[in-house]
PDB file of N, CA and C in Angstrom:
ATOM      1  N   UNK A   1     -47.296  13.383  -9.652  1.00  0.00           N
ATOM      2  CA  UNK A   1     -48.092  12.143 -10.183  1.00  0.00           C
ATOM      3  C   UNK A   1     -48.596  12.962 -11.752  1.00  0.00           C
ATOM      4  N   UNK A   2     -48.240  12.027 -12.660  1.00  0.00           N
ATOM      5  CA  UNK A   2     -48.542  12.745 -14.029  1.00  0.00           C
ATOM      6  C   UNK A   2     -49.841  11.608 -14.609  1.00  0.00           C
ATOM      7  N   UNK A   3     -50.245  12.446 -15.504  1.00  0.00           N
ATOM      8  CA  UNK A   3     -50.989  11.648 -16.367  1.00  0.00           C
ATOM      9  C   UNK A   3     -50.631  10.413 -16.965  1.00  0.00           C
ATOM     10  N   UNK A   4     -51.417   9.230 -17.397  1.00  0.00           N
ATOM     11  CA  UNK A   4     -50.958   8.172 -17.943  1.00  0.00           C
ATOM     12  C   UNK A   4     -51.200   8.731 -19.614  1.00  0.00           C
ATOM     13  N   UNK A   5     -50.538   7.816 -20.567  1.00  0.00           N
ATOM     14  CA  UNK A   5     -50.770   7.868 -21.796  1.00  0.00           C
ATOM     15  C   UNK A   5     -52.469   8.025 -22.298  1.00  0.00           C
ATOM     16  N   UNK A   6     -52.897   6.985 -21.277  1.00  0.00           N
ATOM     17  CA  UNK A   6     -54.516   6.878 -21.793  1.00  0.00           C
ATOM     18  C   UNK A   6     -55.396   7.920 -21.261  1.00  0.00           C
ATOM     19  N   UNK A   7     -54.921   8.269 -20.075  1.00  0.00           N
ATOM     20  CA  UNK A   7     -55.853   9.444 -19.404  1.00  0.00           C
ATOM     21  C   UNK A   7     -55.464  10.780 -20.461  1.00  0.00           C
ATOM     22  N   UNK A   8     -54.178  11.034 -20.870  1.00  0.00           N
ATOM     23  CA  UNK A   8     -53.911  11.888 -21.618  1.00  0.00           C
ATOM     24  C   UNK A   8     -54.854  12.254 -23.210  1.00  0.00           C
ATOM     25  N   UNK A   9     -54.742  10.927 -23.720  1.00  0.00           N
ATOM     26  CA  UNK A   9     -55.482  10.641 -24.851  1.00  0.00           C
ATOM     27  C   UNK A   9     -56.900  11.148 -24.670  1.00  0.00           C
ATOM     28  N   UNK A  10     -57.477  10.516 -23.806  1.00  0.00           N
ATOM     29  CA  UNK A  10     -58.919  10.911 -23.146  1.00  0.00           C
ATOM     30  C   UNK A  10     -59.129  12.375 -22.963  1.00  0.00           C
ATOM     31  N   UNK A  11     -58.235  13.030 -22.283  1.00  0.00           N
ATOM     32  CA  UNK A  11     -58.460  14.193 -22.076  1.00  0.00           C
ATOM     33  C   UNK A  11     -58.354  15.046 -23.178  1.00  0.00           C
ATOM     34  N   UNK A  12     -57.316  14.701 -24.186  1.00  0.00           N
ATOM     35  CA  UNK A  12     -57.189  15.801 -25.343  1.00  0.00           C
ATOM     36  C   UNK A  12     -57.997  15.113 -26.581  1.00  0.00           C
ATOM     37  N   UNK A  13     -58.682  13.890 -26.334  1.00  0.00           N
ATOM     38  CA  UNK A  13     -59.377  13.324 -27.594  1.00  0.00           C
ATOM     39  C   UNK A  13     -58.157  12.933 -28.820  1.00  0.00           C
ATOM     40  N   UNK A  14     -56.717  13.132 -28.692  1.00  0.00           N
ATOM     41  CA  UNK A  14     -56.175  12.838 -29.862  1.00  0.00           C
ATOM     42  C   UNK A  14     -55.380  11.575 -29.311  1.00  0.00           C
ATOM     43  N   UNK A  15     -55.671  10.289 -30.288  1.00  0.00           N
ATOM     44  CA  UNK A  15     -55.139   9.340 -30.190  1.00  0.00           C
ATOM     45  C   UNK A  15     -54.117   8.676 -31.122  1.00  0.00           C
ATOM     46  N   UNK A  16     -54.013   9.270 -32.159  1.00  0.00           N
ATOM     47  CA  UNK A  16     -52.941   8.977 -33.456  1.00  0.00           C
ATOM     48  C   UNK A  16     -52.352  10.151 -33.989  1.00  0.00           C
ATOM     49  N   UNK A  17     -51.273  10.104 -34.548  1.00  0.00           N
ATOM     50  CA  UNK A  17     -51.050  11.298 -35.425  1.00  0.00           C
ATOM     51  C   UNK A  17     -51.381  11.439 -36.805  1.00  0.00           C
ATOM     52  N   UNK A  18     -51.511  12.897 -37.223  1.00  0.00           N
ATOM     53  CA  UNK A  18     -52.154  13.104 -38.778  1.00  0.00           C
ATOM     54  C   UNK A  18     -51.709  14.048 -39.441  1.00  0.00           C
ATOM     55  N   UNK A  19     -51.357  14.037 -40.352  1.00  0.00           N
ATOM     56  CA  UNK A  19     -50.909  15.216 -41.004  1.00  0.00           C
ATOM     57  C   UNK A  19     -49.569  15.540 -41.073  1.00  0.00           C
ATOM     58  N   UNK A  20     -48.998  14.375 -40.754  1.00  0.00           N
ATOM     59  CA  UNK A  20     -47.438  14.397 -40.723  1.00  0.00           C
ATOM     60  C   UNK A  20     -46.805  14.737 -39.370  1.00  0.00           C
ATOM     61  N   UNK A  21     -47.719  14.867 -38.502  1.00  0.00           N
ATOM     62  CA  UNK A  21     -47.365  15.293 -37.168  1.00  0.00           C
ATOM     63  C   UNK A  21     -47.418  14.065 -36.331  1.00  0.00           C
ATOM     64  N   UNK A  22     -46.791  13.637 -35.081  1.00  0.00           N
ATOM     65  CA  UNK A  22     -46.982  12.857 -34.165  1.00  0.00           C
ATOM     66  C   UNK A  22     -47.992  12.931 -33.188  1.00  0.00           C
ATOM     67  N   UNK A  23     -48.545  11.856 -32.601  1.00  0.00           N
ATOM     68  CA  UNK A  23     -49.664  12.262 -31.443  1.00  0.00           C
ATOM     69  C   UNK A  23     -49.293  12.979 -30.553  1.00  0.00           C
ATOM     70  N   UNK A  24     -47.936  12.797 -29.899  1.00  0.00           N
ATOM     71  CA  UNK A  24     -47.252  14.117 -29.207  1.00  0.00           C
ATOM     72  C   UNK A  24     -47.490  15.473 -29.575  1.00  0.00           C
ATOM     73  N   UNK A  25     -47.002  15.794 -30.837  1.00  0.00           N
ATOM     74  CA  UNK A  25     -47.087  17.149 -31.131  1.00  0.00           C
ATOM     75  C   UNK A  25     -48.405  17.828 -31.137  1.00  0.00           C
ATOM     76  N   UNK A  26     -49.496  16.683 -31.543  1.00  0.00           N
ATOM     77  CA  UNK A  26     -50.669  17.303 -31.770  1.00  0.00           C
ATOM     78  C   UNK A  26     -51.291  17.328 -30.188  1.00  0.00           C
ATOM     79  N   UNK A  27     -50.809  16.678 -29.539  1.00  0.00           N
ATOM     80  CA  UNK A  27     -51.416  16.471 -27.902  1.00  0.00           C
ATOM     81  C   UNK A  27     -50.808  17.985 -27.352  1.00  0.00           C
ATOM     82  N   UNK A  28     -49.373  18.586 -27.596  1.00  0.00           N
ATOM     83  CA  UNK A  28     -48.723  19.568 -27.188  1.00  0.00           C
ATOM     84  C   UNK A  28     -49.598  20.846 -27.559  1.00  0.00           C
ATOM     85  N   UNK A  29     -49.832  20.930 -29.025  1.00  0.00           N
ATOM     86  CA  UNK A  29     -50.864  22.131 -29.705  1.00  0.00           C
ATOM     87  C   UNK A  29     -51.569  22.369 -28.887  1.00  0.00           C
ATOM     88  N   UNK A  30     -52.654  20.947 -28.770  1.00  0.00           N
ATOM     89  CA  UNK A  30     -53.908  21.315 -28.362  1.00  0.00           C
ATOM     90  C   UNK A  30     -53.571  21.754 -26.759  1.00  0.00           C
ATOM     91  N   UNK A  31     -53.058  21.305 -26.043  1.00  0.00           N
ATOM     92  CA  UNK A  31     -52.703  21.600 -24.491  1.00  0.00           C
ATOM     93  C   UNK A  31     -52.533  23.203 -24.518  1.00  0.00           C
ATOM     94  N   UNK A  32     -51.362  23.654 -25.416  1.00  0.00           N
ATOM     95  CA  UNK A  32     -51.096  24.845 -25.205  1.00  0.00           C
ATOM     96  C   UNK A  32     -52.440  25.810 -25.810  1.00  0.00           C
ATOM     97  N   UNK A  33     -53.005  25.294 -26.521  1.00  0.00           N
ATOM     98  CA  UNK A  33     -54.457  26.089 -27.228  1.00  0.00           C
ATOM     99  C   UNK A  33     -55.461  26.341 -25.883  1.00  0.00           C
ATOM    100  N   UNK A  34     -55.357  25.520 -25.089  1.00  0.00           N
ATOM    101  CA  UNK A  34     -56.597  25.341 -24.326  1.00  0.00           C
ATOM    102  C   UNK A  34     -55.705  25.994 -22.913  1.00  0.00           C
ATOM    103  N   UNK A  35     -54.728  25.994 -22.654  1.00  0.00           N
ATOM    104  CA  UNK A  35     -54.195  26.692 -21.651  1.00  0.00           C
ATOM    105  C   UNK A  35     -53.831  25.850 -20.443  1.00  0.00           C
ATOM    106  N   UNK A  36     -53.676  24.536 -20.757  1.00  0.00           N
ATOM    107  CA  UNK A  36     -53.218  23.660 -19.784  1.00  0.00           C
ATOM    108  C   UNK A  36     -51.585  23.725 -19.699  1.00  0.00           C
ATOM    109  N   UNK A  37     -50.936  23.715 -18.351  1.00  0.00           N
ATOM    110  CA  UNK A  37     -49.680  23.606 -18.309  1.00  0.00           C
ATOM    111  C   UNK A  37     -48.915  21.988 -18.485  1.00  0.00           C
ATOM    112  N   UNK A  38     -48.017  21.951 -19.233  1.00  0.00           N
ATOM    113  CA  UNK A  38     -47.310  20.752 -19.114  1.00  0.00           C
ATOM    114  C   UNK A  38     -46.207  20.709 -19.163  1.00  0.00           C
ATOM    115  N   UNK A  39     -45.273  20.134 -19.007  1.00  0.00           N
ATOM    116  CA  UNK A  39     -43.970  19.642 -19.105  1.00  0.00           C
ATOM    117  C   UNK A  39     -43.463  18.744 -20.329  1.00  0.00           C
ATOM    118  N   UNK A  40     -42.838  19.304 -21.428  1.00  0.00           N
ATOM    119  CA  UNK A  40     -42.395  18.322 -22.631  1.00  0.00           C
ATOM    120  C   UNK A  40     -41.153  17.292 -21.832  1.00  0.00           C
ATOM    121  N   UNK A  41     -41.323  15.936 -22.205  1.00  0.00           N
ATOM    122  CA  UNK A  41     -40.214  15.116 -21.716  1.00  0.00           C
ATOM    123  C   UNK A  41     -39.383  15.169 -22.713  1.00  0.00           C
ATOM    124  N   UNK A  42     -38.219  14.546 -22.622  1.00  0.00           N
ATOM    125  CA  UNK A  42     -37.059  14.568 -23.505  1.00  0.00           C
ATOM    126  C   UNK A  42     -37.457  14.090 -24.815  1.00  0.00           C
ATOM    127  N   UNK A  43     -38.608  13.035 -25.002  1.00  0.00           N
ATOM    128  CA  UNK A  43     -39.139  12.348 -26.158  1.00  0.00           C
ATOM    129  C   UNK A  43     -40.072  13.189 -26.813  1.00  0.00           C
ATOM    130  N   UNK A  44     -40.427  14.523 -26.382  1.00  0.00           N
ATOM    131  CA  UNK A  44     -41.581  15.303 -26.890  1.00  0.00           C
ATOM    132  C   UNK A  44     -43.049  14.928 -26.270  1.00  0.00           C
ATOM    133  N   UNK A  45     -43.023  14.030 -25.165  1.00  0.00           N
ATOM    134  CA  UNK A  45     -44.364  13.692 -24.977  1.00  0.00           C
ATOM    135  C   UNK A  45     -44.828  14.755 -23.780  1.00  0.00           C
ATOM    136  N   UNK A  46     -46.082  15.107 -23.628  1.00  0.00           N
ATOM    137  CA  UNK A  46     -46.425  16.256 -22.703  1.00  0.00           C
ATOM    138  C   UNK A  46     -46.910  15.592 -21.434  1.00  0.00           C
ATOM    139  N   UNK A  47     -46.252  15.989 -20.314  1.00  0.00           N
ATOM    140  CA  UNK A  47     -46.369  15.435 -19.275  1.00  0.00           C
ATOM    141  C   UNK A  47     -47.290  16.493 -18.317  1.00  0.00           C
ATOM    142  N   UNK A  48     -48.691  15.966 -18.084  1.00  0.00           N
ATOM    143  CA  UNK A  48     -49.581  16.871 -17.246  1.00  0.00           C
ATOM    144  C   UNK A  48     -49.696  16.409 -16.053  1.00  0.00           C
ATOM    145  N   UNK A  49     -49.497  17.254 -15.120  1.00  0.00           N
ATOM    146  CA  UNK A  49     -49.716  16.886 -13.670  1.00  0.00           C
ATOM    147  C   UNK A  49     -51.128  16.554 -13.436  1.00  0.00           C
ATOM    148  N   UNK A  50     -51.382  15.560 -13.160  1.00  0.00           N
ATOM    149  CA  UNK A  50     -52.623  15.238 -12.500  1.00  0.00           C
ATOM    150  C   UNK A  50     -53.485  16.436 -11.903  1.00  0.00           C
ATOM    151  N   UNK A  51     -52.865  16.838 -10.858  1.00  0.00           N
ATOM    152  CA  UNK A  51     -53.648  18.092 -10.015  1.00  0.00           C
ATOM    153  C   UNK A  51     -54.369  19.119 -10.761  1.00  0.00           C
ATOM    154  N   UNK A  52     -53.799  19.231 -12.174  1.00  0.00           N
ATOM    155  CA  UNK A  52     -54.482  20.138 -13.128  1.00  0.00           C
ATOM    156  C   UNK A  52     -55.885  19.721 -13.412  1.00  0.00           C
ATOM    157  N   UNK A  53     -56.158  18.588 -13.425  1.00  0.00           N
ATOM    158  CA  UNK A  53     -57.509  18.143 -13.909  1.00  0.00           C
ATOM    159  C   UNK A  53     -58.282  18.070 -12.699  1.00  0.00           C
ATOM    160  N   UNK A  54     -57.607  17.665 -11.476  1.00  0.00           N
ATOM    161  CA  UNK A  54     -58.610  17.315 -10.065  1.00  0.00           C
ATOM    162  C   UNK A  54     -58.917  18.762  -9.533  1.00  0.00           C
ATOM    163  N   UNK A  55     -58.245  19.991  -9.853  1.00  0.00           N
ATOM    164  CA  UNK A  55     -58.505  21.202  -9.269  1.00  0.00           C
ATOM    165  C   UNK A  55     -57.717  21.557  -8.118  1.00  0.00           C
ATOM    166  N   UNK A  56     -57.126  20.629  -7.819  1.00  0.00           N
ATOM    167  CA  UNK A  56     -56.389  20.845  -6.457  1.00  0.00           C
ATOM    168  C   UNK A  56     -55.363  22.056  -6.730  1.00  0.00           C
ATOM    169  N   UNK A  57     -54.900  23.214  -5.940  1.00  0.00           N
ATOM    170  CA  UNK A  57     -54.133  24.019  -5.899  1.00  0.00           C
ATOM    171  C   UNK A  57     -52.589  23.465  -6.144  1.00  0.00           C
ATOM    172  N   UNK A  58     -51.561  23.588  -6.985  1.00  0.00           N
ATOM    173  CA  UNK A  58     -50.055  23.240  -7.172  1.00  0.00           C
ATOM    174  C   UNK A  58     -49.592  24.628  -6.632  1.00  0.00           C
ATOM    175  N   UNK A  59     -48.757  24.272  -5.880  1.00  0.00           N
ATOM    176  CA  UNK A  59     -47.684  25.054  -4.983  1.00  0.00           C
ATOM    177  C   UNK A  59     -46.483  25.093  -5.837  1.00  0.00           C
ATOM    178  N   UNK A  60     -45.829  26.104  -6.311  1.00  0.00           N
ATOM    179  CA  UNK A  60     -44.551  26.407  -6.961  1.00  0.00           C
ATOM    180  C   UNK A  60     -43.663  26.196  -5.884  1.00  0.00           C
ATOM    181  N   UNK A  61     -42.469  25.602  -6.253  1.00  0.00           N
ATOM    182  CA  UNK A  61     -41.459  25.296  -5.396  1.00  0.00           C
ATOM    183  C   UNK A  61     -40.581  26.808  -5.173  1.00  0.00           C
ATOM    184  N   UNK A  62     -40.219  26.806  -3.764  1.00  0.00           N
ATOM    185  CA  UNK A  62     -39.372  27.672  -3.394  1.00  0.00           C
ATOM    186  C   UNK A  62     -38.148  27.643  -4.264  1.00  0.00           C
ATOM    187  N   UNK A  63     -37.637  29.078  -4.814  1.00  0.00           N
ATOM    188  CA  UNK A  63     -36.760  29.034  -5.301  1.00  0.00           C
ATOM    189  C   UNK A  63     -35.218  28.720  -4.575  1.00  0.00           C
ATOM    190  N   UNK A  64     -34.460  27.918  -5.067  1.00  0.00           N
ATOM    191  CA  UNK A  64     -33.143  27.360  -4.614  1.00  0.00           C
ATOM    192  C   UNK A  64     -32.217  28.844  -4.034  1.00  0.00           C
ATOM    193  N   UNK A  65     -31.780  28.666  -2.990  1.00  0.00           N
ATOM    194  CA  UNK A  65     -30.787  29.608  -2.708  1.00  0.00           C
ATOM    195  C   UNK A  65     -29.355  29.829  -3.775  1.00  0.00           C
ATOM    196  N   UNK A  66     -29.042  30.644  -3.777  1.00  0.00           N
ATOM    197  CA  UNK A  66     -27.904  31.071  -4.803  1.00  0.00           C
ATOM    198  C   UNK A  66     -27.237  32.323  -4.569  1.00  0.00           C
ATOM    199  N   UNK A  67     -25.837  32.279  -4.455  1.00  0.00           N
ATOM    200  CA  UNK A  67     -25.041  33.090  -4.239  1.00  0.00           C
ATOM    201  C   UNK A  67     -25.174  34.403  -4.917  1.00  0.00           C
ATOM    202  N   UNK A  68     -25.219  35.857  -4.534  1.00  0.00           N
ATOM    203  CA  UNK A  68     -25.693  36.613  -5.165  1.00  0.00           C
ATOM    204  C   UNK A  68     -24.621  37.005  -6.424  1.00  0.00           C
ATOM    205  N   UNK A  69     -23.667  36.636  -6.457  1.00  0.00           N
ATOM    206  CA  UNK A  69     -22.830  36.482  -7.568  1.00  0.00           C
ATOM    207  C   UNK A  69     -23.035  36.080  -8.755  1.00  0.00           C
ATOM    208  N   UNK A  70     -23.930  35.212  -8.517  1.00  0.00           N
ATOM    209  CA  UNK A  70     -24.605  34.073  -9.736  1.00  0.00           C
ATOM    210  C   UNK A  70     -25.768  34.536  -9.993  1.00  0.00           C
ATOM    211  N   UNK A  71     -26.580  35.278  -9.459  1.00  0.00           N
ATOM    212  CA  UNK A  71     -27.817  35.861  -9.722  1.00  0.00           C
ATOM    213  C   UNK A  71     -27.651  36.874 -10.843  1.00  0.00           C
ATOM    214  N   UNK A  72     -28.861  36.528 -11.581  1.00  0.00           N
ATOM    215  CA  UNK A  72     -28.805  37.607 -12.676  1.00  0.00           C
ATOM    216  C   UNK A  72     -30.180  38.529 -12.228  1.00  0.00           C
ATOM    217  N   UNK A  73     -29.677  39.891 -12.874  1.00  0.00           N
ATOM    218  CA  UNK A  73     -30.595  40.957 -12.688  1.00  0.00           C
ATOM    219  C   UNK A  73     -31.085  41.643 -13.946  1.00  0.00           C
TER     220      UNK A  73
END
């Protein structure tokens, strides 16, 4: 579950772009600055997992099996 555009705007307090940057660019910069993990979408929108704000632990997915031939060392 990801934060909605409205929730993200409330969290970052960035609702519009300025200084030649889009709202999404400013939000990404702000999230990096405060250390909140996010995934940029194909359009550059920061996708923040809702569990980041609720404090629940996010478990990393198990690595998928790969043959040793394809594994990088």
